[in-house]
C-alpha atoms as a PDB file:
ATOM      1  CA  MET A   1      51.938  50.295 119.315  1.00  0.00           C
ATOM      2  CA  SER A   2      52.930  53.208 117.140  1.00  0.00           C
ATOM      3  CA  ALA A   3      56.184  53.135 115.251  1.00  0.00           C
ATOM      4  CA  PRO A   4      59.088  55.042 116.818  1.00  0.00           C
ATOM      5  CA  GLN A   5      59.527  58.535 115.444  1.00  0.00           C
ATOM      6  CA  LEU A   6      62.944  59.567 114.142  1.00  0.00           C
ATOM      7  CA  SER A   7      64.055  63.081 114.862  1.00  0.00           C
ATOM      8  CA  MET A   8      65.355  64.608 111.644  1.00  0.00           C
ATOM      9  CA  THR A   9      66.922  67.974 111.039  1.00  0.00           C
ATOM     10  CA  HIS A  10      66.764  69.749 107.715  1.00  0.00           C
ATOM     11  CA  THR A  11      69.282  72.301 106.545  1.00  0.00           C
ATOM     12  CA  SER A  12      67.553  75.330 105.120  1.00  0.00           C
ATOM     13  CA  PRO A  13      68.535  76.433 101.602  1.00  0.00           C
ATOM     14  CA  LEU A  14      69.691  79.773 103.009  1.00  0.00           C
ATOM     15  CA  ALA A  15      72.000  78.147 105.549  1.00  0.00           C
ATOM     16  CA  LYS A  16      73.400  75.815 102.910  1.00  0.00           C
ATOM     17  CA  SER A  17      74.052  78.618 100.417  1.00  0.00           C
ATOM     18  CA  GLU A  18      75.815  80.663 103.099  1.00  0.00           C
ATOM     19  CA  ARG A  19      78.052  77.697 103.948  1.00  0.00           C
ATOM     20  CA  ASP A  20      78.837  77.117 100.269  1.00  0.00           C
ATOM     21  CA  ARG A  21      79.620  80.798  99.809  1.00  0.00           C
ATOM     22  CA  ARG A  22      82.105  80.714 102.684  1.00  0.00           C
ATOM     23  CA  GLN A  23      83.770  77.606 101.282  1.00  0.00           C
ATOM     24  CA  HIS A  24      84.449  79.208  97.896  1.00  0.00           C
ATOM     25  CA  GLU A  25      84.903  82.855  98.865  1.00  0.00           C
ATOM     26  CA  ARG A  26      88.539  83.773  98.240  1.00  0.00           C
ATOM     27  CA  ILE A  27      90.301  86.267 100.472  1.00  0.00           C
ATOM     28  CA  ASP A  28      93.273  88.292  99.223  1.00  0.00           C
ATOM     29  CA  LEU A  29      95.767  87.555 101.974  1.00  0.00           C
ATOM     30  CA  GLU A  30      99.553  87.170 102.064  1.00  0.00           C
ATOM     31  CA  ILE A  31     100.601  84.425 104.463  1.00  0.00           C
ATOM     32  CA  GLY A  32     104.068  82.928 104.555  1.00  0.00           C
ATOM     33  CA  GLY A  33     104.777  79.257 104.926  1.00  0.00           C
ATOM     34  CA  CYS A  34     106.221  76.251 103.178  1.00  0.00           C
ATOM     35  CA  TYR A  35     105.086  73.109 101.436  1.00  0.00           C
ATOM     36  CA  LEU A  36     106.343  69.546 101.497  1.00  0.00           C
ATOM     37  CA  ASP A  37     106.471  67.901  98.063  1.00  0.00           C
ATOM     38  CA  GLU A  38     106.107  64.208  97.208  1.00  0.00           C
ATOM     39  CA  GLU A  39     109.872  63.726  97.697  1.00  0.00           C
ATOM     40  CA  SER A  40     109.559  65.147 101.249  1.00  0.00           C
ATOM     41  CA  GLN A  41     111.490  68.285 100.274  1.00  0.00           C
ATOM     42  CA  ASP A  42     110.237  71.542 101.761  1.00  0.00           C
ATOM     43  CA  HIS A  43     109.994  74.824  99.838  1.00  0.00           C
ATOM     44  CA  ARG A  44     109.002  78.333 100.868  1.00  0.00           C
ATOM     45  CA  LEU A  45     105.718  79.869  99.708  1.00  0.00           C
ATOM     46  CA  VAL A  46     103.618  83.020 100.041  1.00  0.00           C
ATOM     47  CA  THR A  47      99.871  82.980  99.477  1.00  0.00           C
ATOM     48  CA  GLU A  48      98.108  85.442  97.177  1.00  0.00           C
ATOM     49  CA  ASN A  49      94.576  84.431  98.083  1.00  0.00           C
ATOM     50  CA  LEU A  50      92.865  81.661 100.011  1.00  0.00           C
ATOM     51  CA  SER A  51      89.521  80.097 100.701  1.00  0.00           C
ATOM     52  CA  CYS A  52      88.742  77.188 102.979  1.00  0.00           C
ATOM     53  CA  SER A  53      88.772  74.941  99.898  1.00  0.00           C
ATOM     54  CA  GLY A  54      92.042  76.031  98.286  1.00  0.00           C
ATOM     55  CA  ALA A  55      94.771  78.623  97.778  1.00  0.00           C
ATOM     56  CA  LEU A  56      96.819  80.431  95.146  1.00  0.00           C
ATOM     57  CA  MET A  57     100.501  80.753  96.042  1.00  0.00           C
ATOM     58  CA  ARG A  58     103.830  82.091  94.807  1.00  0.00           C
ATOM     59  CA  ALA A  59     106.925  79.931  95.132  1.00  0.00           C
ATOM     60  CA  ALA A  60     110.411  79.608  93.653  1.00  0.00           C
ATOM     61  CA  THR A  61     109.963  75.862  93.169  1.00  0.00           C
ATOM     62  CA  ILE A  62     106.757  74.785  91.441  1.00  0.00           C
ATOM     63  CA  PRO A  63     105.326  71.287  92.048  1.00  0.00           C
ATOM     64  CA  SER A  64     103.822  69.357  89.160  1.00  0.00           C
ATOM     65  CA  GLU A  65     100.108  69.591  88.450  1.00  0.00           C
ATOM     66  CA  GLY A  66      98.207  66.723  90.058  1.00  0.00           C
ATOM     67  CA  SER A  67     100.837  66.101  92.734  1.00  0.00           C
ATOM     68  CA  ASN A  68      99.979  65.935  96.431  1.00  0.00           C
ATOM     69  CA  VAL A  69     101.605  68.400  98.824  1.00  0.00           C
ATOM     70  CA  ILE A  70     101.456  69.233 102.518  1.00  0.00           C
ATOM     71  CA  CYS A  71     101.167  72.977 103.143  1.00  0.00           C
ATOM     72  CA  TYR A  72     102.246  74.628 106.387  1.00  0.00           C
ATOM     73  CA  PHE A  73     100.805  78.145 106.612  1.00  0.00           C
ATOM     74  CA  ASP A  74     101.749  80.668 109.280  1.00  0.00           C
ATOM     75  CA  ASP A  75      98.623  81.309 111.398  1.00  0.00           C
ATOM     76  CA  LEU A  76      96.738  78.435 109.721  1.00  0.00           C
ATOM     77  CA  GLY A  77      98.825  75.319 110.276  1.00  0.00           C
ATOM     78  CA  ARG A  78      99.056  72.084 108.303  1.00  0.00           C
ATOM     79  CA  VAL A  79      96.768  71.381 105.347  1.00  0.00           C
ATOM     80  CA  ALA A  80      96.974  68.498 102.842  1.00  0.00           C
ATOM     81  CA  ALA A  81      96.334  69.573  99.262  1.00  0.00           C
ATOM     82  CA  THR A  82      96.454  68.626  95.578  1.00  0.00           C
ATOM     83  CA  VAL A  83      98.029  70.892  92.947  1.00  0.00           C
ATOM     84  CA  VAL A  84      95.338  71.821  90.415  1.00  0.00           C
ATOM     85  CA  ARG A  85      97.067  74.543  88.377  1.00  0.00           C
ATOM     86  CA  THR A  86     100.606  75.877  87.860  1.00  0.00           C
ATOM     87  CA  SER A  87     102.238  78.976  86.374  1.00  0.00           C
ATOM     88  CA  ASP A  88     105.792  80.278  85.972  1.00  0.00           C
ATOM     89  CA  ASP A  89     105.898  81.752  89.459  1.00  0.00           C
ATOM     90  CA  GLY A  90     103.232  79.944  91.427  1.00  0.00           C
ATOM     91  CA  PHE A  91     100.546  77.309  91.715  1.00  0.00           C
ATOM     92  CA  ALA A  92      97.024  76.705  92.979  1.00  0.00           C
ATOM     93  CA  VAL A  93      95.915  73.889  95.261  1.00  0.00           C
ATOM     94  CA  GLN A  94      92.684  72.301  96.358  1.00  0.00           C
ATOM     95  CA  PHE A  95      92.623  71.415 100.044  1.00  0.00           C
ATOM     96  CA  ASN A  96      91.919  67.793 100.988  1.00  0.00           C
ATOM     97  CA  VAL A  97      90.137  68.307 104.300  1.00  0.00           C
ATOM     98  CA  VAL A  98      87.139  66.883 106.122  1.00  0.00           C
ATOM     99  CA  PRO A  99      84.092  69.164 106.644  1.00  0.00           C
ATOM    100  CA  HIS A 100      84.990  69.889 110.279  1.00  0.00           C
ATOM    101  CA  LYS A 101      88.496  71.027 109.306  1.00  0.00           C
ATOM    102  CA  ARG A 102      87.076  73.083 106.430  1.00  0.00           C
ATOM    103  CA  GLU A 103      84.766  74.910 108.837  1.00  0.00           C
ATOM    104  CA  LYS A 104      87.697  75.661 111.152  1.00  0.00           C
ATOM    105  CA  LEU A 105      89.659  77.033 108.201  1.00  0.00           C
ATOM    106  CA  ALA A 106      86.711  79.250 107.245  1.00  0.00           C
ATOM    107  CA  ASN A 107      86.516  80.655 110.762  1.00  0.00           C
ATOM    108  CA  ARG A 108      90.262  81.246 110.941  1.00  0.00           C
ATOM    109  CA  LEU A 109      90.386  82.934 107.526  1.00  0.00           C
ATOM    110  CA  SER A 110      87.498  85.181 108.502  1.00  0.00           C
ATOM    111  CA  TRP A 111      89.382  86.154 111.656  1.00  0.00           C
ATOM    112  CA  LEU A 112      92.612  86.851 109.751  1.00  0.00           C
ATOM    113  CA  ALA A 113      90.795  88.944 107.153  1.00  0.00           C
ATOM    114  CA  ASN A 114      89.097  91.110 109.781  1.00  0.00           C
ATOM    115  CA  LYS A 115      91.593  91.252 112.641  1.00  0.00           C
ATOM    116  CA  ASP A 116      93.238  94.551 111.620  1.00  0.00           C
ATOM    117  CA  GLU A 117      89.934  96.376 111.145  1.00  0.00           C
ATOM    118  CA  SER A 118      88.295  94.940 114.239  1.00  0.00           C
ATOM    119  CA  GLU A 119      91.456  94.750 116.374  1.00  0.00           C
ATOM    120  CA  LEU A 120      90.426  91.237 117.326  1.00  0.00           C
ATOM    121  CA  PRO A 121      92.667  89.463 119.848  1.00  0.00           C
ATOM    122  CA  GLU A 122      95.013  86.738 118.645  1.00  0.00           C
ATOM    123  CA  GLU A 123      93.525  83.225 118.798  1.00  0.00           C
ATOM    124  CA  ARG A 124      96.655  81.115 119.150  1.00  0.00           C
ATOM    125  CA  THR A 125      96.249  77.679 120.635  1.00  0.00           C
ATOM    126  CA  ALA A 126      98.442  78.764 123.543  1.00  0.00           C
ATOM    127  CA  PRO A 127     100.534  81.894 124.184  1.00  0.00           C
ATOM    128  CA  ARG A 128     104.249  81.509 123.508  1.00  0.00           C
ATOM    129  CA  TYR A 129     106.779  82.827 126.008  1.00  0.00           C
ATOM    130  CA  PRO A 130     110.299  83.899 124.997  1.00  0.00           C
ATOM    131  CA  THR A 131     112.871  81.991 127.011  1.00  0.00           C
ATOM    132  CA  SER A 132     116.481  80.875 126.998  1.00  0.00           C
ATOM    133  CA  GLY A 133     117.839  77.487 127.889  1.00  0.00           C
ATOM    134  CA  HIS A 134     119.268  74.327 126.461  1.00  0.00           C
ATOM    135  CA  ALA A 135     117.463  71.217 125.278  1.00  0.00           C
ATOM    136  CA  GLN A 136     118.621  67.855 123.988  1.00  0.00           C
ATOM    137  CA  VAL A 137     116.460  66.808 121.061  1.00  0.00           C
ATOM    138  CA  ILE A 138     116.575  63.231 119.782  1.00  0.00           C
ATOM    139  CA  ARG A 139     115.667  62.623 116.166  1.00  0.00           C
ATOM    140  CA  LYS A 140     113.856  59.529 114.923  1.00  0.00           C
ATOM    141  CA  ASN A 141     117.151  58.082 113.619  1.00  0.00           C
ATOM    142  CA  GLY A 142     118.686  58.366 117.100  1.00  0.00           C
ATOM    143  CA  GLN A 143     120.767  61.455 116.343  1.00  0.00           C
ATOM    144  CA  HIS A 144     121.099  63.900 119.264  1.00  0.00           C
ATOM    145  CA  LEU A 145     120.801  67.639 118.610  1.00  0.00           C
ATOM    146  CA  ALA A 146     122.069  70.238 121.072  1.00  0.00           C
ATOM    147  CA  CYS A 147     119.473  73.021 120.903  1.00  0.00           C
ATOM    148  CA  ASN A 148     118.724  76.411 122.405  1.00  0.00           C
ATOM    149  CA  VAL A 149     115.080  77.085 123.237  1.00  0.00           C
ATOM    150  CA  ILE A 150     113.797  80.306 121.612  1.00  0.00           C
ATOM    151  CA  ASP A 151     110.251  80.223 122.958  1.00  0.00           C
ATOM    152  CA  ILE A 152     107.855  77.691 124.409  1.00  0.00           C
ATOM    153  CA  SER A 153     104.134  77.255 125.075  1.00  0.00           C
ATOM    154  CA  LEU A 154     101.848  74.530 126.352  1.00  0.00           C
ATOM    155  CA  THR A 155     101.473  73.234 122.796  1.00  0.00           C
ATOM    156  CA  GLY A 156     104.916  73.609 121.236  1.00  0.00           C
ATOM    157  CA  ALA A 157     108.357  75.181 121.115  1.00  0.00           C
ATOM    158  CA  SER A 158     110.794  76.917 118.770  1.00  0.00           C
ATOM    159  CA  LEU A 159     114.423  75.816 118.900  1.00  0.00           C
ATOM    160  CA  GLU A 160     117.709  76.681 117.230  1.00  0.00           C
ATOM    161  CA  THR A 161     120.619  74.357 116.557  1.00  0.00           C
ATOM    162  CA  HIS A 162     123.940  74.248 114.724  1.00  0.00           C
ATOM    163  CA  GLY A 163     123.431  70.592 113.855  1.00  0.00           C
ATOM    164  CA  PRO A 164     121.512  68.997 110.971  1.00  0.00           C
ATOM    165  CA  LEU A 165     117.914  70.169 110.971  1.00  0.00           C
ATOM    166  CA  PRO A 166     115.080  67.627 111.246  1.00  0.00           C
ATOM    167  CA  ALA A 167     112.590  67.281 108.404  1.00  0.00           C
ATOM    168  CA  ILE A 168     109.089  68.712 108.466  1.00  0.00           C
ATOM    169  CA  ASP A 169     106.636  66.144 109.882  1.00  0.00           C
ATOM    170  CA  GLU A 170     109.470  64.241 111.625  1.00  0.00           C
ATOM    171  CA  ILE A 171     108.731  63.086 115.185  1.00  0.00           C
ATOM    172  CA  VAL A 172     111.399  64.160 117.693  1.00  0.00           C
ATOM    173  CA  THR A 173     111.809  63.732 121.448  1.00  0.00           C
ATOM    174  CA  ALA A 174     112.752  66.476 123.915  1.00  0.00           C
ATOM    175  CA  GLY A 175     113.006  65.242 127.490  1.00  0.00           C
ATOM    176  CA  ASN A 176     109.825  63.278 128.200  1.00  0.00           C
ATOM    177  CA  LEU A 177     107.888  65.025 125.409  1.00  0.00           C
ATOM    178  CA  GLN A 178     107.447  64.079 121.789  1.00  0.00           C
ATOM    179  CA  GLY A 179     106.765  66.649 119.103  1.00  0.00           C
ATOM    180  CA  ARG A 180     106.105  66.887 115.389  1.00  0.00           C
ATOM    181  CA  VAL A 181     108.291  69.270 113.379  1.00  0.00           C
ATOM    182  CA  VAL A 182     105.966  71.834 111.767  1.00  0.00           C
ATOM    183  CA  ARG A 183     108.431  74.472 110.550  1.00  0.00           C
ATOM    184  CA  VAL A 184     112.092  74.504 109.525  1.00  0.00           C
ATOM    185  CA  GLY A 185     114.116  77.684 109.011  1.00  0.00           C
ATOM    186  CA  GLU A 186     117.769  78.632 108.761  1.00  0.00           C
ATOM    187  CA  GLY A 187     119.320  77.100 111.866  1.00  0.00           C
ATOM    188  CA  ASN A 188     115.988  76.743 113.660  1.00  0.00           C
ATOM    189  CA  PHE A 189     112.821  74.668 113.745  1.00  0.00           C
ATOM    190  CA  ALA A 190     109.482  74.518 115.547  1.00  0.00           C
ATOM    191  CA  ILE A 191     107.602  71.565 116.990  1.00  0.00           C
ATOM    192  CA  ASN A 192     104.053  70.944 118.153  1.00  0.00           C
ATOM    193  CA  PHE A 193     103.899  68.657 121.177  1.00  0.00           C
ATOM    194  CA  LEU A 194     102.022  65.395 120.667  1.00  0.00           C
ATOM    195  CA  ARG A 195      99.180  64.330 122.918  1.00  0.00           C
ATOM    196  CA  LYS A 196      99.540  61.020 124.740  1.00  0.00           C
ATOM    197  CA  ASP A 197      97.337  59.204 122.235  1.00  0.00           C
ATOM    198  CA  GLU A 198      99.483  60.516 119.337  1.00  0.00           C
ATOM    199  CA  ARG A 199     102.879  59.505 120.707  1.00  0.00           C
ATOM    200  CA  GLU A 200     104.999  56.814 119.140  1.00  0.00           C
ATOM    201  CA  ASP A 201     106.506  53.991 121.170  1.00  0.00           C
END
């Protein structure tokens, strides 16, 4: 009996070099957002350039070199990173992402870089609809927040409140839904709804 044959795939040098090029190609792009430092304090940022492996950003508060941060970029979402270089008005980070996430970042950056020229349609996870209404949001510490709903989609919502704002990454409950806080502004915050397998008891 002959030995079983294993099916093996080989990545061509050309395909590999193209993937490497995409990973390190930096795009000059201004994207707003914020970052969460090691003390769980959030600070505003604006990118100067990005690749799917890192970014150069301007910020009023500069984290220390070697520290770990969580970046929340408009149009890109949440990315864990390590600070690799600092200056008087900004810092550079290296993203700590798995290959699948890196590929998604590369695709999204390519779309953002070309959307104005190509008039490509927006690729949001789900369209958001402006609305008005009230919502009772319960924080993890049990505190109740009276909120007004600004907009809502199948995947998240933006809310405003006069009470204490939740922290970025905090899990909150609104009705029978749980969400993770992904953005905090002046008197408002945004959440992404959690899937059933992500919810906390």
